[in-house]
Structures are given as C-alpha cells and as structure tokens.
C-alpha cells in the first residue's frame, strides 16, 4: 500500500558563527516516524570526519536510509556542532533540539524551515508527498576515461507542482558507485533524473509503481552511467 511521506530536499548552513571563513561541521539531523520510531538519519557526520562548510553553502545529505512515513506526526531531532580545536569540549554548538511536525497542521506543499540555534542556523527545504511509494535510486559510473564534473538532480511532483532538488554534485575521476538515494514519489506519477556531465545534459524518467524496478543506461564518449530505480510500497506489520 502507499502512504504519505515526508521528503527533505536540501539542507543549507544559513547562519554561521564564522561568517567569512570555512568551518568543520559535524553531528546529525534525523527523523523519527511511526514506522519503527528509530532515528532515520538525514545528515550524520562524526567529529573525526566533519564536512567543510561556510555560511550560505549547501550541507551534503547522507540519508535518509528509508523514506520518512507520515502517518500522523514526525519528530525531527538534531545536534550539529562546529569543530574547534583538539578537544570536543571546545567545540561550538550550532543547533540542538527537537521539532514536531503534526499532520493536522501541515501544509501539503514545498516549504522551508529555519532551524535556529544560539550560534547559527540551518535552512531545511521539505514537503509532504501524498499517496507515495519509495524510490531507491542507484547510480553506477563505469568505463571512466577522463575525470569529469557530475551533477544529479531529481524532479518529483508535490501537489501537482514539480519540485527539483539536487542529489549529488562532485568530480568523478574513476569508476564508482554513488550512494543510494531514497526519494518519496506519488504512485503513478513520474520521477525524472537529470544528469549534467561537464556541459552535457542527459535525463531519464521512471513511472512510480508499487513494486518492481527499472534500469536506464547513459552512454558517453568518456564514461558510462547506469541507473536503477527500485520501487517499494509501505508494508504494514
């Protein structure tokens, strides 16, 4: 069966304690839903492996591992810090706390939320997707002859309004698997993936189904990109 889901599109460091310089950011942002009440990490970095960010830059998401079911309420928990020196007690708390999204009071359209703290803020772009299934997107880059810049974005419909968001941006120098991307898509609607490889644009579309999978292959002169989308409906216990 399908269910309503929460889709987080992006995270951005909106306010930094050091405005003009890069900083090392770590911690987590995670959701809890009624599926199993466990933490479903949207962003998670240890102190030993922080990301480099500055005010106004996007924060690369590392999850979620599964879609965020929205049966009634969703809790968003967060604890993000700025690394400052050798010891953890010297670090600066960026944001810390819990937010509750209540189904009766949510607007079913793309929205932005500022999560503020005493020393900074993170902007989150999100939406609730009704009658949704889970798309697990796997991308394999192979036969790489030359390094190239790769950008991958996704387009889904939220209340019949197309919403485009970035999944990956970076430089590919050798054959690799990108991390799996988990996306909530309304059943029978279209999921579109757009690839920008250097200055070459390619796209492929997939119709959301209750189950099954589909593959696409993008052949370039200097690399091959294989895309697999697996569809999963929510299964009640």
Protein backbone atom coordinates (compact mmCIF):
# COMPACT_ATOMS: atom_id res chain seq x y z
CA UNK A 1 0.00 0.00 0.00
CA UNK A 2 1.00 3.61 -0.38
CA UNK A 3 1.30 6.12 2.45
CA UNK A 4 2.00 9.80 2.96
CA UNK A 5 5.70 10.61 3.32
CA UNK A 6 7.96 13.50 4.26
CA UNK A 7 10.62 14.38 1.69
CA UNK A 8 13.59 16.54 2.71
CA UNK A 9 15.08 18.21 -0.36
CA UNK A 10 18.08 20.11 0.99
CA UNK A 11 19.97 21.50 3.98
CA UNK A 12 21.86 24.80 3.98
CA UNK A 13 24.10 26.49 6.52
CA UNK A 14 22.07 29.69 6.78
CA UNK A 15 23.92 31.33 9.66
CA UNK A 16 27.46 30.59 10.79
CA UNK A 17 29.38 31.69 13.89
CA UNK A 18 32.26 32.49 11.49
CA UNK A 19 30.71 34.34 8.55
CA UNK A 20 33.76 34.89 6.36
CA UNK A 21 35.58 31.57 6.79
CA UNK A 22 35.07 27.85 6.27
CA UNK A 23 34.40 25.67 9.27
CA UNK A 24 34.27 21.98 10.13
CA UNK A 25 30.71 20.84 10.77
CA UNK A 26 29.59 17.53 12.29
CA UNK A 27 26.67 15.96 14.14
CA UNK A 28 23.29 14.75 12.94
CA UNK A 29 19.79 15.57 11.78
CA UNK A 30 17.38 12.64 11.94
CA UNK A 31 13.67 11.88 11.75
CA UNK A 32 11.53 9.57 13.86
CA UNK A 33 8.23 8.31 12.45
CA UNK A 34 5.60 5.77 13.48
CA UNK A 35 7.10 3.07 11.23
CA UNK A 36 9.58 1.89 13.87
CA UNK A 37 10.40 5.01 15.99
CA UNK A 38 14.13 4.64 15.21
CA UNK A 39 16.38 7.50 14.14
CA UNK A 40 16.44 7.83 10.35
CA UNK A 41 19.49 9.98 9.66
CA UNK A 42 19.23 12.67 7.00
CA UNK A 43 22.68 14.02 7.90
CA UNK A 44 25.28 12.26 10.04
CA UNK A 45 28.97 13.04 10.39
CA UNK A 46 31.35 12.15 13.19
CA UNK A 47 33.79 14.59 14.75
CA UNK A 48 36.63 12.72 13.05
CA UNK A 49 35.02 13.12 9.61
CA UNK A 50 33.36 16.58 9.51
CA UNK A 51 32.27 18.39 6.38
CA UNK A 52 33.75 21.72 5.29
CA UNK A 53 31.09 24.42 5.03
CA UNK A 54 30.63 28.15 5.19
CA UNK A 55 27.67 30.48 5.57
CA UNK A 56 25.33 30.11 2.60
CA UNK A 57 26.69 26.76 1.40
CA UNK A 58 24.67 23.57 1.00
CA UNK A 59 25.17 20.77 3.50
CA UNK A 60 25.57 17.42 1.74
CA UNK A 61 22.94 15.00 2.99
CA UNK A 62 23.98 11.44 3.84
CA UNK A 63 20.48 9.93 4.02
CA UNK A 64 17.78 9.03 4.72
CA UNK A 65 18.17 5.25 4.57
CA UNK A 66 14.43 4.83 4.00
CA UNK A 67 11.57 7.22 3.36
CA UNK A 68 10.03 9.09 6.28
CA UNK A 69 6.47 7.79 6.77
CA UNK A 70 3.93 10.42 7.76
CA UNK A 71 1.06 8.54 9.37
CA UNK A 72 0.35 11.20 11.96
CA UNK A 73 3.38 13.01 13.38
CA UNK A 74 7.11 13.13 12.65
CA UNK A 75 9.83 14.17 15.08
CA UNK A 76 12.97 15.84 13.77
CA UNK A 77 15.95 15.60 16.12
CA UNK A 78 19.22 17.47 15.58
CA UNK A 79 22.57 18.12 17.20
CA UNK A 80 25.16 19.85 14.99
CA UNK A 81 28.44 21.33 16.14
CA UNK A 82 31.43 23.24 14.82
CA UNK A 83 34.77 21.59 15.44
CA UNK A 84 37.08 23.98 17.28
CA UNK A 85 40.44 22.65 18.36
CA UNK A 86 41.59 19.25 19.54
CA UNK A 87 39.03 18.57 22.28
CA UNK A 88 35.29 18.12 21.93
CA UNK A 89 34.54 20.39 24.87
CA UNK A 90 36.00 23.30 22.90
CA UNK A 91 33.51 22.84 20.04
CA UNK A 92 30.69 25.31 19.31
CA UNK A 93 27.06 24.16 19.41
CA UNK A 94 25.37 25.17 16.15
CA UNK A 95 21.86 23.74 16.63
CA UNK A 96 20.38 21.30 19.13
CA UNK A 97 16.82 20.21 19.84
CA UNK A 98 13.64 18.53 18.60
CA UNK A 99 10.84 19.69 16.28
CA UNK A 100 7.44 18.03 15.88
CA UNK A 101 5.51 18.01 12.60
CA UNK A 102 1.82 17.39 13.30
CA UNK A 103 -0.30 16.04 10.47
CA UNK A 104 -3.38 18.10 11.24
CA UNK A 105 -1.47 21.39 10.92
CA UNK A 106 0.90 20.76 7.98
CA UNK A 107 0.61 22.35 4.56
CA UNK A 108 0.98 19.86 1.70
CA UNK A 109 3.27 21.94 -0.47
CA UNK A 110 7.03 22.60 -0.67
CA UNK A 111 8.20 24.71 2.27
CA UNK A 112 11.31 25.99 4.00
CA UNK A 113 12.09 25.92 7.68
CA UNK A 114 14.90 27.68 9.55
CA UNK A 115 16.29 25.63 12.45
CA UNK A 116 17.94 28.19 14.70
CA UNK A 117 20.45 27.88 17.49
CA UNK A 118 22.42 30.19 19.73
CA UNK A 119 25.38 30.34 17.32
CA UNK A 120 23.91 29.55 13.92
CA UNK A 121 21.04 28.25 11.81
CA UNK A 122 20.29 25.59 9.20
CA UNK A 123 17.65 26.02 6.49
CA UNK A 124 15.72 22.89 5.55
CA UNK A 125 13.66 22.57 2.36
CA UNK A 126 10.98 19.88 2.51
CA UNK A 127 7.49 18.78 1.51
CA UNK A 128 4.91 16.13 2.32
CA UNK A 129 4.15 13.75 -0.55
CA UNK A 130 0.74 12.08 -0.51
CA UNK A 131 -0.09 8.56 -1.72
CA UNK A 132 3.63 7.86 -2.08
CA UNK A 133 5.95 4.94 -2.66
CA UNK A 134 9.69 4.75 -2.11
CA UNK A 135 12.14 5.06 -4.99
CA UNK A 136 15.61 3.68 -4.25
CA UNK A 137 17.94 5.19 -6.85
CA UNK A 138 21.29 3.52 -7.53
CA UNK A 139 23.80 5.14 -9.89
CA UNK A 140 26.95 3.40 -11.13
CA UNK A 141 29.59 5.28 -13.12
CA UNK A 142 31.91 3.00 -15.10
CA UNK A 143 34.34 2.96 -18.03
CA UNK A 144 35.68 6.34 -16.96
CA UNK A 145 38.34 7.56 -19.40
CA UNK A 146 38.71 11.12 -18.15
CA UNK A 147 37.68 12.84 -14.94
CA UNK A 148 34.55 15.00 -15.17
CA UNK A 149 32.17 17.10 -13.08
CA UNK A 150 28.83 15.44 -12.39
CA UNK A 151 25.59 16.96 -11.12
CA UNK A 152 22.48 14.85 -10.48
CA UNK A 153 19.09 16.37 -9.73
CA UNK A 154 15.64 14.86 -9.25
CA UNK A 155 12.21 16.19 -10.17
CA UNK A 156 9.02 14.97 -8.47
CA UNK A 157 5.50 16.38 -8.30
CA UNK A 158 4.30 17.71 -4.96
CA UNK A 159 0.58 18.62 -5.05
CA UNK A 160 0.94 18.64 -8.85
CA UNK A 161 3.77 21.19 -8.65
CA UNK A 162 7.15 19.99 -9.98
CA UNK A 163 9.92 20.26 -7.38
CA UNK A 164 13.56 19.92 -8.45
CA UNK A 165 16.32 19.19 -5.93
CA UNK A 166 19.95 18.17 -6.06
CA UNK A 167 21.08 14.68 -5.14
CA UNK A 168 24.79 14.82 -5.97
CA UNK A 169 27.45 17.24 -7.15
CA UNK A 170 31.14 16.48 -7.41
CA UNK A 171 34.05 15.36 -9.58
CA UNK A 172 34.25 11.77 -10.81
CA UNK A 173 37.80 10.61 -11.55
CA UNK A 174 37.32 6.84 -11.68
CA UNK A 175 34.60 4.20 -11.81
CA UNK A 176 32.43 4.32 -8.69
CA UNK A 177 29.00 3.77 -7.15
CA UNK A 178 27.25 6.86 -5.83
CA UNK A 179 25.44 6.45 -2.53
CA UNK A 180 21.88 5.19 -2.74
CA UNK A 181 19.24 7.93 -2.89
CA UNK A 182 15.84 7.41 -1.27
CA UNK A 183 13.01 9.52 -2.70
CA UNK A 184 9.26 9.69 -1.95
CA UNK A 185 7.18 9.73 -5.16
CA UNK A 186 3.40 9.78 -5.60
CA UNK A 187 2.31 6.49 -7.15
CA UNK A 188 1.62 6.63 -10.93
CA UNK A 189 3.47 9.97 -11.22
CA UNK A 190 6.88 10.41 -12.85
CA UNK A 191 10.31 10.58 -11.26
CA UNK A 192 12.74 12.42 -13.52
CA UNK A 193 16.51 12.31 -13.03
CA UNK A 194 18.67 14.96 -14.71
CA UNK A 195 22.40 14.46 -15.23
CA UNK A 196 24.77 17.28 -16.08
CA UNK A 197 28.08 15.72 -17.11
CA UNK A 198 30.52 18.57 -17.72
CA UNK A 199 28.43 20.65 -20.15
CA UNK A 200 26.43 17.67 -21.46
CA UNK A 201 22.86 17.24 -20.23
CA UNK A 202 21.01 13.93 -20.08
CA UNK A 203 17.78 12.87 -18.38
CA UNK A 204 15.69 9.75 -17.78
CA UNK A 205 12.20 9.22 -16.36
CA UNK A 206 10.57 6.46 -14.35
CA UNK A 207 6.88 5.90 -13.55
CA UNK A 208 6.26 5.25 -9.85
CA UNK A 209 4.84 1.78 -9.14
CA UNK A 210 4.01 -0.25 -6.05
CA UNK A 211 6.92 -2.61 -6.69
CA UNK A 212 9.46 -3.73 -9.27
CA UNK A 213 12.43 -1.95 -10.78
CA UNK A 214 13.63 -0.31 -13.99
CA UNK A 215 17.04 0.43 -15.49
CA UNK A 216 18.45 3.05 -17.84
CA UNK A 217 21.88 3.36 -19.42
CA UNK A 218 23.53 6.63 -20.44
CA UNK A 219 26.48 6.15 -22.78
CA UNK A 220 29.02 8.93 -23.17
CA UNK A 221 32.33 9.07 -25.02
CA UNK A 222 34.29 9.16 -21.77
CA UNK A 223 32.07 7.20 -19.35
CA UNK A 224 29.00 5.04 -18.88
CA UNK A 225 26.26 5.81 -16.33
CA UNK A 226 23.91 3.06 -15.22
CA UNK A 227 20.73 3.97 -13.30
CA UNK A 228 18.50 1.53 -11.42
CA UNK A 229 15.30 2.57 -9.63
CA UNK A 230 13.65 0.07 -7.30
CA UNK A 231 10.08 0.77 -6.15
CA UNK A 232 8.89 -0.19 -2.67
CA UNK A 233 5.44 0.34 -1.18
CA UNK A 234 4.95 0.51 2.57
CA UNK A 235 4.15 -2.90 4.09
CA UNK A 236 2.18 -2.89 7.38
CA UNK A 237 3.44 -5.19 10.13
